[in-house]
Each structure stands twice: as structure tokens, then as C-alpha cells.
PDB file of all heavy atoms in Angstrom:
ATOM      1  N   GLY A   1      94.670 -95.076  59.424  1.00  0.00           N
ATOM      2  CA  GLY A   1      94.531 -93.633  59.232  1.00  0.00           C
ATOM      3  C   GLY A   1      95.413 -92.819  60.147  1.00  0.00           C
ATOM      4  O   GLY A   1      95.446 -91.587  60.038  1.00  0.00           O
ATOM      5  N   LEU A   2      96.104 -93.505  61.063  1.00  0.00           N
ATOM      6  CA  LEU A   2      97.036 -92.879  62.009  1.00  0.00           C
ATOM      7  C   LEU A   2      96.347 -91.757  62.801  1.00  0.00           C
ATOM      8  O   LEU A   2      95.184 -91.879  63.154  1.00  0.00           O
ATOM      9  CB  LEU A   2      98.275 -92.406  61.273  1.00  0.00           C
ATOM     10  CG  LEU A   2      99.050 -93.513  60.520  1.00  0.00           C
ATOM     11  CD1 LEU A   2     100.248 -92.934  59.786  1.00  0.00           C
ATOM     12  CD2 LEU A   2      99.450 -94.620  61.472  1.00  0.00           C
ATOM     13  N   ALA A   3      97.066 -90.683  63.086  1.00  0.00           N
ATOM     14  CA  ALA A   3      96.541 -89.662  63.992  1.00  0.00           C
ATOM     15  C   ALA A   3      95.256 -89.024  63.460  1.00  0.00           C
ATOM     16  O   ALA A   3      94.317 -88.745  64.225  1.00  0.00           O
ATOM     17  CB  ALA A   3      97.597 -88.591  64.228  1.00  0.00           C
ATOM     18  N   THR A   4      95.194 -88.797  62.149  1.00  0.00           N
ATOM     19  CA  THR A   4      93.995 -88.185  61.570  1.00  0.00           C
ATOM     20  C   THR A   4      92.779 -89.073  61.773  1.00  0.00           C
ATOM     21  O   THR A   4      91.711 -88.618  62.209  1.00  0.00           O
ATOM     22  CB  THR A   4      94.205 -87.915  60.070  1.00  0.00           C
ATOM     23  OG1 THR A   4      95.321 -87.050  59.890  1.00  0.00           O
ATOM     24  CG2 THR A   4      92.963 -87.288  59.462  1.00  0.00           C
ATOM     25  N   GLY A   5      92.925 -90.353  61.441  1.00  0.00           N
ATOM     26  CA  GLY A   5      91.829 -91.297  61.626  1.00  0.00           C
ATOM     27  C   GLY A   5      91.438 -91.424  63.091  1.00  0.00           C
ATOM     28  O   GLY A   5      90.251 -91.534  63.422  1.00  0.00           O
ATOM     29  N   HIS A   6      92.434 -91.397  63.958  1.00  0.00           N
ATOM     30  CA  HIS A   6      92.196 -91.514  65.391  1.00  0.00           C
ATOM     31  C   HIS A   6      91.306 -90.378  65.895  1.00  0.00           C
ATOM     32  O   HIS A   6      90.304 -90.606  66.589  1.00  0.00           O
ATOM     33  CB  HIS A   6      93.554 -91.514  66.107  1.00  0.00           C
ATOM     34  CG  HIS A   6      93.469 -91.710  67.578  1.00  0.00           C
ATOM     35  ND1 HIS A   6      94.357 -91.118  68.452  1.00  0.00           N
ATOM     36  CD2 HIS A   6      92.619 -92.404  68.360  1.00  0.00           C
ATOM     37  CE1 HIS A   6      94.065 -91.465  69.686  1.00  0.00           C
ATOM     38  NE2 HIS A   6      93.012 -92.242  69.657  1.00  0.00           N
ATOM     39  N   TRP A   7      91.663 -89.163  65.534  1.00  0.00           N
ATOM     40  CA  TRP A   7      90.891 -88.006  65.991  1.00  0.00           C
ATOM     41  C   TRP A   7      89.509 -87.951  65.343  1.00  0.00           C
ATOM     42  O   TRP A   7      88.504 -87.685  66.027  1.00  0.00           O
ATOM     43  CB  TRP A   7      91.649 -86.721  65.688  1.00  0.00           C
ATOM     44  CG  TRP A   7      92.680 -86.389  66.709  1.00  0.00           C
ATOM     45  CD1 TRP A   7      94.018 -86.658  66.668  1.00  0.00           C
ATOM     46  CD2 TRP A   7      92.444 -85.739  67.958  1.00  0.00           C
ATOM     47  NE1 TRP A   7      94.642 -86.218  67.809  1.00  0.00           N
ATOM     48  CE2 TRP A   7      93.707 -85.651  68.624  1.00  0.00           C
ATOM     49  CE3 TRP A   7      91.329 -85.219  68.590  1.00  0.00           C
ATOM     50  CZ2 TRP A   7      93.851 -85.063  69.875  1.00  0.00           C
ATOM     51  CZ3 TRP A   7      91.458 -84.631  69.847  1.00  0.00           C
ATOM     52  CH2 TRP A   7      92.706 -84.556  70.467  1.00  0.00           C
ATOM     53  N   LEU A   8      89.431 -88.203  64.040  1.00  0.00           N
ATOM     54  CA  LEU A   8      88.152 -88.095  63.335  1.00  0.00           C
ATOM     55  C   LEU A   8      87.138 -89.110  63.857  1.00  0.00           C
ATOM     56  O   LEU A   8      85.966 -88.777  64.075  1.00  0.00           O
ATOM     57  CB  LEU A   8      88.354 -88.282  61.834  1.00  0.00           C
ATOM     58  CG  LEU A   8      89.030 -87.124  61.098  1.00  0.00           C
ATOM     59  CD1 LEU A   8      89.211 -87.461  59.621  1.00  0.00           C
ATOM     60  CD2 LEU A   8      88.218 -85.830  61.250  1.00  0.00           C
ATOM     61  N   VAL A   9      87.584 -90.349  64.073  1.00  0.00           N
ATOM     62  CA  VAL A   9      86.647 -91.376  64.543  1.00  0.00           C
ATOM     63  C   VAL A   9      86.258 -91.127  65.999  1.00  0.00           C
ATOM     64  O   VAL A   9      85.132 -91.423  66.400  1.00  0.00           O
ATOM     65  CB  VAL A   9      87.252 -92.782  64.352  1.00  0.00           C
ATOM     66  CG1 VAL A   9      86.378 -93.843  64.990  1.00  0.00           C
ATOM     67  CG2 VAL A   9      87.423 -93.079  62.867  1.00  0.00           C
ATOM     68  N   THR A  10      87.164 -90.573  66.791  1.00  0.00           N
ATOM     69  CA  THR A  10      86.794 -90.216  68.165  1.00  0.00           C
ATOM     70  C   THR A  10      85.673 -89.189  68.169  1.00  0.00           C
ATOM     71  O   THR A  10      84.657 -89.348  68.870  1.00  0.00           O
ATOM     72  CB  THR A  10      88.006 -89.659  68.929  1.00  0.00           C
ATOM     73  OG1 THR A  10      89.018 -90.663  69.028  1.00  0.00           O
ATOM     74  CG2 THR A  10      87.595 -89.225  70.332  1.00  0.00           C
ATOM     75  N   LEU A  11      85.856 -88.131  67.393  1.00  0.00           N
ATOM     76  CA  LEU A  11      84.813 -87.099  67.312  1.00  0.00           C
ATOM     77  C   LEU A  11      83.530 -87.666  66.706  1.00  0.00           C
ATOM     78  O   LEU A  11      82.426 -87.365  67.171  1.00  0.00           O
ATOM     79  CB  LEU A  11      85.310 -85.920  66.481  1.00  0.00           C
ATOM     80  CG  LEU A  11      86.501 -85.153  67.071  1.00  0.00           C
ATOM     81  CD1 LEU A  11      86.987 -84.084  66.095  1.00  0.00           C
ATOM     82  CD2 LEU A  11      86.117 -84.519  68.413  1.00  0.00           C
ATOM     83  N   GLY A  12      83.700 -88.511  65.675  1.00  0.00           N
ATOM     84  CA  GLY A  12      82.525 -89.140  65.060  1.00  0.00           C
ATOM     85  C   GLY A  12      81.810 -90.063  66.033  1.00  0.00           C
ATOM     86  O   GLY A  12      80.571 -90.138  66.034  1.00  0.00           O
ATOM     87  N   GLY A  13      82.580 -90.770  66.858  1.00  0.00           N
ATOM     88  CA  GLY A  13      81.978 -91.663  67.842  1.00  0.00           C
ATOM     89  C   GLY A  13      81.162 -90.905  68.875  1.00  0.00           C
ATOM     90  O   GLY A  13      80.059 -91.323  69.257  1.00  0.00           O
ATOM     91  N   ILE A  14      81.705 -89.791  69.348  1.00  0.00           N
ATOM     92  CA  ILE A  14      80.967 -88.957  70.314  1.00  0.00           C
ATOM     93  C   ILE A  14      79.662 -88.459  69.690  1.00  0.00           C
ATOM     94  O   ILE A  14      78.591 -88.493  70.318  1.00  0.00           O
ATOM     95  CB  ILE A  14      81.835 -87.774  70.778  1.00  0.00           C
ATOM     96  CG1 ILE A  14      83.028 -88.284  71.587  1.00  0.00           C
ATOM     97  CG2 ILE A  14      81.008 -86.784  71.594  1.00  0.00           C
ATOM     98  CD1 ILE A  14      84.032 -87.211  71.961  1.00  0.00           C
ATOM     99  N   LEU A  15      79.742 -88.016  68.435  1.00  0.00           N
ATOM    100  CA  LEU A  15      78.542 -87.536  67.730  1.00  0.00           C
ATOM    101  C   LEU A  15      77.538 -88.663  67.530  1.00  0.00           C
ATOM    102  O   LEU A  15      76.323 -88.478  67.724  1.00  0.00           O
ATOM    103  CB  LEU A  15      78.947 -86.928  66.383  1.00  0.00           C
ATOM    104  CG  LEU A  15      77.810 -86.389  65.518  1.00  0.00           C
ATOM    105  CD1 LEU A  15      77.084 -85.255  66.241  1.00  0.00           C
ATOM    106  CD2 LEU A  15      78.346 -85.914  64.166  1.00  0.00           C
ATOM    107  N   PHE A  16      78.034 -89.836  67.153  1.00  0.00           N
ATOM    108  CA  PHE A  16      77.166 -90.993  66.900  1.00  0.00           C
ATOM    109  C   PHE A  16      76.404 -91.401  68.161  1.00  0.00           C
ATOM    110  O   PHE A  16      75.179 -91.603  68.133  1.00  0.00           O
ATOM    111  CB  PHE A  16      78.029 -92.149  66.387  1.00  0.00           C
ATOM    112  CG  PHE A  16      77.262 -93.400  66.045  1.00  0.00           C
ATOM    113  CD1 PHE A  16      76.050 -93.351  65.372  1.00  0.00           C
ATOM    114  CD2 PHE A  16      77.765 -94.643  66.394  1.00  0.00           C
ATOM    115  CE1 PHE A  16      75.348 -94.509  65.053  1.00  0.00           C
ATOM    116  CE2 PHE A  16      77.091 -95.806  66.081  1.00  0.00           C
ATOM    117  CZ  PHE A  16      75.870 -95.740  65.416  1.00  0.00           C
ATOM    118  N   VAL A  17      77.113 -91.515  69.274  1.00  0.00           N
ATOM    119  CA  VAL A  17      76.474 -91.894  70.537  1.00  0.00           C
ATOM    120  C   VAL A  17      75.473 -90.821  70.976  1.00  0.00           C
ATOM    121  O   VAL A  17      74.375 -91.133  71.467  1.00  0.00           O
ATOM    122  CB  VAL A  17      77.541 -92.118  71.639  1.00  0.00           C
ATOM    123  CG1 VAL A  17      76.885 -92.361  72.995  1.00  0.00           C
ATOM    124  CG2 VAL A  17      78.440 -93.293  71.276  1.00  0.00           C
ATOM    125  N   SER A  18      75.827 -89.556  70.777  1.00  0.00           N
ATOM    126  CA  SER A  18      74.938 -88.462  71.176  1.00  0.00           C
ATOM    127  C   SER A  18      73.656 -88.464  70.351  1.00  0.00           C
ATOM    128  O   SER A  18      72.543 -88.301  70.887  1.00  0.00           O
ATOM    129  CB  SER A  18      75.658 -87.123  71.029  1.00  0.00           C
ATOM    130  OG  SER A  18      76.812 -87.071  71.851  1.00  0.00           O
ATOM    131  N   LEU A  19      73.792 -88.644  69.027  1.00  0.00           N
ATOM    132  CA  LEU A  19      72.609 -88.659  68.169  1.00  0.00           C
ATOM    133  C   LEU A  19      71.729 -89.862  68.467  1.00  0.00           C
ATOM    134  O   LEU A  19      70.489 -89.771  68.374  1.00  0.00           O
ATOM    135  CB  LEU A  19      73.034 -88.669  66.693  1.00  0.00           C
ATOM    136  CG  LEU A  19      73.673 -87.380  66.171  1.00  0.00           C
ATOM    137  CD1 LEU A  19      74.143 -87.555  64.735  1.00  0.00           C
ATOM    138  CD2 LEU A  19      72.692 -86.215  66.277  1.00  0.00           C
ATOM    139  N   TRP A  20      72.343 -90.969  68.826  1.00  0.00           N
ATOM    140  CA  TRP A  20      71.569 -92.152  69.203  1.00  0.00           C
ATOM    141  C   TRP A  20      70.711 -91.845  70.434  1.00  0.00           C
ATOM    142  O   TRP A  20      69.542 -92.218  70.498  1.00  0.00           O
ATOM    143  CB  TRP A  20      72.507 -93.321  69.494  1.00  0.00           C
ATOM    144  CG  TRP A  20      71.834 -94.656  69.670  1.00  0.00           C
ATOM    145  CD1 TRP A  20      71.045 -95.051  70.715  1.00  0.00           C
ATOM    146  CD2 TRP A  20      71.882 -95.767  68.778  1.00  0.00           C
ATOM    147  NE1 TRP A  20      70.614 -96.337  70.556  1.00  0.00           N
ATOM    148  CE2 TRP A  20      71.117 -96.809  69.367  1.00  0.00           C
ATOM    149  CE3 TRP A  20      72.516 -95.992  67.556  1.00  0.00           C
ATOM    150  CZ2 TRP A  20      70.971 -98.056  68.762  1.00  0.00           C
ATOM    151  CZ3 TRP A  20      72.364 -97.237  66.957  1.00  0.00           C
ATOM    152  CH2 TRP A  20      71.599 -98.252  67.550  1.00  0.00           C
ATOM    153  N   ARG A  21      71.317 -91.137  71.385  1.00  0.00           N
ATOM    154  CA  ARG A  21      70.565 -90.774  72.598  1.00  0.00           C
ATOM    155  C   ARG A  21      69.450 -89.794  72.261  1.00  0.00           C
ATOM    156  O   ARG A  21      68.354 -89.853  72.852  1.00  0.00           O
ATOM    157  CB  ARG A  21      71.510 -90.162  73.646  1.00  0.00           C
ATOM    158  CG  ARG A  21      70.817 -89.809  74.956  1.00  0.00           C
ATOM    159  CD  ARG A  21      70.342 -91.048  75.686  1.00  0.00           C
ATOM    160  NE  ARG A  21      69.525 -90.720  76.857  1.00  0.00           N
ATOM    161  CZ  ARG A  21      68.202 -90.702  76.863  1.00  0.00           C
ATOM    162  NH1 ARG A  21      67.516 -90.979  75.746  1.00  0.00           N
ATOM    163  NH2 ARG A  21      67.533 -90.426  77.969  1.00  0.00           N
ATOM    164  N   VAL A  22      69.711 -88.897  71.309  1.00  0.00           N
ATOM    165  CA  VAL A  22      68.661 -87.982  70.859  1.00  0.00           C
ATOM    166  C   VAL A  22      67.497 -88.777  70.266  1.00  0.00           C
ATOM    167  O   VAL A  22      66.320 -88.510  70.545  1.00  0.00           O
ATOM    168  CB  VAL A  22      69.214 -86.989  69.825  1.00  0.00           C
ATOM    169  CG1 VAL A  22      68.073 -86.189  69.191  1.00  0.00           C
ATOM    170  CG2 VAL A  22      70.215 -86.045  70.468  1.00  0.00           C
ATOM    171  N   GLY A  23      67.823 -89.783  69.451  1.00  0.00           N
ATOM    172  CA  GLY A  23      66.783 -90.617  68.853  1.00  0.00           C
ATOM    173  C   GLY A  23      65.972 -91.371  69.895  1.00  0.00           C
ATOM    174  O   GLY A  23      64.769 -91.610  69.708  1.00  0.00           O
ATOM    175  N   GLU A  24      66.618 -91.754  71.001  1.00  0.00           N
ATOM    176  CA  GLU A  24      65.897 -92.469  72.052  1.00  0.00           C
ATOM    177  C   GLU A  24      64.831 -91.601  72.715  1.00  0.00           C
ATOM    178  O   GLU A  24      63.877 -92.125  73.300  1.00  0.00           O
ATOM    179  CB  GLU A  24      66.877 -92.962  73.116  1.00  0.00           C
ATOM    180  CG  GLU A  24      67.745 -94.125  72.672  1.00  0.00           C
ATOM    181  CD  GLU A  24      68.665 -94.591  73.785  1.00  0.00           C
ATOM    182  OE1 GLU A  24      68.900 -93.822  74.744  1.00  0.00           O
ATOM    183  OE2 GLU A  24      69.157 -95.735  73.700  1.00  0.00           O
ATOM    184  N   MET A  25      64.999 -90.300  72.649  1.00  0.00           N
ATOM    185  CA  MET A  25      64.036 -89.398  73.286  1.00  0.00           C
ATOM    186  C   MET A  25      62.658 -89.489  72.625  1.00  0.00           C
ATOM    187  O   MET A  25      61.654 -89.008  73.183  1.00  0.00           O
ATOM    188  CB  MET A  25      64.552 -87.969  73.225  1.00  0.00           C
ATOM    189  CG  MET A  25      65.785 -87.715  74.080  1.00  0.00           C
ATOM    190  SD  MET A  25      65.429 -87.704  75.837  1.00  0.00           S
ATOM    191  CE  MET A  25      64.688 -86.078  76.024  1.00  0.00           C
ATOM    192  N   VAL A  26      62.597 -90.096  71.440  1.00  0.00           N
ATOM    193  CA  VAL A  26      61.312 -90.280  70.777  1.00  0.00           C
ATOM    194  C   VAL A  26      60.459 -91.284  71.543  1.00  0.00           C
ATOM    195  O   VAL A  26      59.217 -91.197  71.557  1.00  0.00           O
ATOM    196  CB  VAL A  26      61.529 -90.753  69.324  1.00  0.00           C
ATOM    197  CG1 VAL A  26      60.204 -91.042  68.636  1.00  0.00           C
ATOM    198  CG2 VAL A  26      62.316 -89.711  68.541  1.00  0.00           C
ATOM    199  N   VAL A  27      61.136 -92.253  72.179  1.00  0.00           N
ATOM    200  CA  VAL A  27      60.424 -93.284  72.949  1.00  0.00           C
ATOM    201  C   VAL A  27      60.003 -92.682  74.292  1.00  0.00           C
ATOM    202  O   VAL A  27      60.865 -92.217  75.048  1.00  0.00           O
ATOM    203  CB  VAL A  27      61.314 -94.522  73.169  1.00  0.00           C
ATOM    204  CG1 VAL A  27      60.538 -95.602  73.930  1.00  0.00           C
ATOM    205  CG2 VAL A  27      61.817 -95.048  71.834  1.00  0.00           C
ATOM    206  N   PRO A  28      58.712 -92.678  74.614  1.00  0.00           N
ATOM    207  CA  PRO A  28      58.245 -92.020  75.843  1.00  0.00           C
ATOM    208  C   PRO A  28      58.961 -92.485  77.109  1.00  0.00           C
ATOM    209  O   PRO A  28      59.305 -91.658  77.963  1.00  0.00           O
ATOM    210  CB  PRO A  28      56.750 -92.383  75.875  1.00  0.00           C
ATOM    211  CG  PRO A  28      56.389 -92.578  74.437  1.00  0.00           C
ATOM    212  CD  PRO A  28      57.607 -93.201  73.808  1.00  0.00           C
ATOM    213  N   LYS A  29      59.185 -93.783  77.263  1.00  0.00           N
ATOM    214  CA  LYS A  29      59.783 -94.267  78.517  1.00  0.00           C
ATOM    215  C   LYS A  29      61.261 -93.917  78.641  1.00  0.00           C
ATOM    216  O   LYS A  29      61.843 -94.043  79.717  1.00  0.00           O
ATOM    217  CB  LYS A  29      59.608 -95.783  78.632  1.00  0.00           C
ATOM    218  CG  LYS A  29      60.365 -96.590  77.606  1.00  0.00           C
ATOM    219  CD  LYS A  29      60.169 -98.086  77.855  1.00  0.00           C
ATOM    220  CE  LYS A  29      60.974 -98.917  76.868  1.00  0.00           C
ATOM    221  NZ  LYS A  29      60.808-100.381  77.118  1.00  0.00           N
ATOM    222  N   LEU A  30      61.883 -93.469  77.531  1.00  0.00           N
ATOM    223  CA  LEU A  30      63.284 -93.091  77.564  1.00  0.00           C
ATOM    224  C   LEU A  30      63.484 -91.578  77.649  1.00  0.00           C
ATOM    225  O   LEU A  30      64.618 -91.114  77.681  1.00  0.00           O
ATOM    226  CB  LEU A  30      64.017 -93.635  76.325  1.00  0.00           C
ATOM    227  CG  LEU A  30      64.065 -95.161  76.188  1.00  0.00           C
ATOM    228  CD1 LEU A  30      64.784 -95.556  74.904  1.00  0.00           C
ATOM    229  CD2 LEU A  30      64.751 -95.798  77.388  1.00  0.00           C
ATOM    230  N   ARG A  31      62.383 -90.837  77.697  1.00  0.00           N
ATOM    231  CA  ARG A  31      62.490 -89.392  77.784  1.00  0.00           C
ATOM    232  C   ARG A  31      62.858 -88.962  79.201  1.00  0.00           C
ATOM    233  O   ARG A  31      62.428 -89.566  80.182  1.00  0.00           O
ATOM    234  CB  ARG A  31      61.168 -88.745  77.391  1.00  0.00           C
ATOM    235  CG  ARG A  31      60.832 -88.873  75.915  1.00  0.00           C
ATOM    236  CD  ARG A  31      59.447 -88.313  75.631  1.00  0.00           C
ATOM    237  NE  ARG A  31      59.040 -88.572  74.254  1.00  0.00           N
ATOM    238  CZ  ARG A  31      57.798 -88.403  73.814  1.00  0.00           C
ATOM    239  NH1 ARG A  31      56.859 -87.958  74.650  1.00  0.00           N
ATOM    240  NH2 ARG A  31      57.503 -88.674  72.556  1.00  0.00           N
ATOM    241  N   VAL A  32      63.682 -87.941  79.260  1.00  0.00           N
ATOM    242  CA  VAL A  32      64.080 -87.385  80.558  1.00  0.00           C
ATOM    243  C   VAL A  32      64.055 -85.855  80.453  1.00  0.00           C
ATOM    244  O   VAL A  32      63.854 -85.302  79.372  1.00  0.00           O
ATOM    245  CB  VAL A  32      65.502 -87.858  80.959  1.00  0.00           C
ATOM    246  CG1 VAL A  32      65.526 -89.349  81.233  1.00  0.00           C
ATOM    247  CG2 VAL A  32      66.527 -87.492  79.880  1.00  0.00           C
ATOM    248  N   SER A  33      64.286 -85.192  81.557  1.00  0.00           N
ATOM    249  CA  SER A  33      64.323 -83.732  81.556  1.00  0.00           C
ATOM    250  C   SER A  33      65.559 -83.238  80.813  1.00  0.00           C
ATOM    251  O   SER A  33      66.482 -84.003  80.537  1.00  0.00           O
ATOM    252  CB  SER A  33      64.344 -83.216  82.992  1.00  0.00           C
ATOM    253  OG  SER A  33      65.550 -83.607  83.630  1.00  0.00           O
ATOM    254  N   GLY A  34      65.568 -81.948  80.510  1.00  0.00           N
ATOM    255  CA  GLY A  34      66.688 -81.380  79.781  1.00  0.00           C
ATOM    256  C   GLY A  34      68.002 -81.551  80.503  1.00  0.00           C
ATOM    257  O   GLY A  34      69.022 -81.903  79.899  1.00  0.00           O
ATOM    258  N   ALA A  35      68.016 -81.340  81.814  1.00  0.00           N
ATOM    259  CA  ALA A  35      69.251 -81.470  82.593  1.00  0.00           C
ATOM    260  C   ALA A  35      69.754 -82.905  82.579  1.00  0.00           C
ATOM    261  O   ALA A  35      70.957 -83.157  82.411  1.00  0.00           O
ATOM    262  CB  ALA A  35      69.009 -81.001  84.026  1.00  0.00           C
ATOM    263  N   GLU A  36      68.824 -83.877  82.746  1.00  0.00           N
ATOM    264  CA  GLU A  36      69.224 -85.287  82.746  1.00  0.00           C
ATOM    265  C   GLU A  36      69.704 -85.714  81.353  1.00  0.00           C
ATOM    266  O   GLU A  36      70.630 -86.515  81.226  1.00  0.00           O
ATOM    267  CB  GLU A  36      68.045 -86.162  83.181  1.00  0.00           C
ATOM    268  CG  GLU A  36      67.629 -85.962  84.625  1.00  0.00           C
ATOM    269  CD  GLU A  36      68.763 -86.294  85.584  1.00  0.00           C
ATOM    270  OE1 GLU A  36      69.350 -87.381  85.462  1.00  0.00           O
ATOM    271  OE2 GLU A  36      69.074 -85.448  86.452  1.00  0.00           O
ATOM    272  N   PHE A  37      69.085 -85.169  80.319  1.00  0.00           N
ATOM    273  CA  PHE A  37      69.492 -85.493  78.951  1.00  0.00           C
ATOM    274  C   PHE A  37      70.939 -85.079  78.703  1.00  0.00           C
ATOM    275  O   PHE A  37      71.741 -85.849  78.151  1.00  0.00           O
ATOM    276  CB  PHE A  37      68.566 -84.788  77.959  1.00  0.00           C
ATOM    277  CG  PHE A  37      69.053 -84.833  76.541  1.00  0.00           C
ATOM    278  CD1 PHE A  37      68.945 -85.987  75.783  1.00  0.00           C
ATOM    279  CD2 PHE A  37      69.646 -83.708  75.959  1.00  0.00           C
ATOM    280  CE1 PHE A  37      69.411 -86.025  74.466  1.00  0.00           C
ATOM    281  CE2 PHE A  37      70.106 -83.736  74.657  1.00  0.00           C
ATOM    282  CZ  PHE A  37      69.985 -84.903  73.898  1.00  0.00           C
TER     283      PHE A  37
END
């Protein structure tokens, strides 16, 4: 995908990792304060 694919997957990767961390907040032992999140 060259430069377009490079940029899109980078942004998608950041979003994917962030949403995964959001999902972890459902688990009580993985919850943290807003600042730590």
C-alpha cells in the first residue's frame, strides 16, 4: 500500500491499541484513575 497504507495502518494501530485498553477497563483489577488511563 506504500505511503498510504503506511499511514493508515499506523493510525489504525494506535486506535486499535487504545480501544483494547479501553476494553480492559471493564475488568476491575485493570481499572485505573483517569490520569493513569
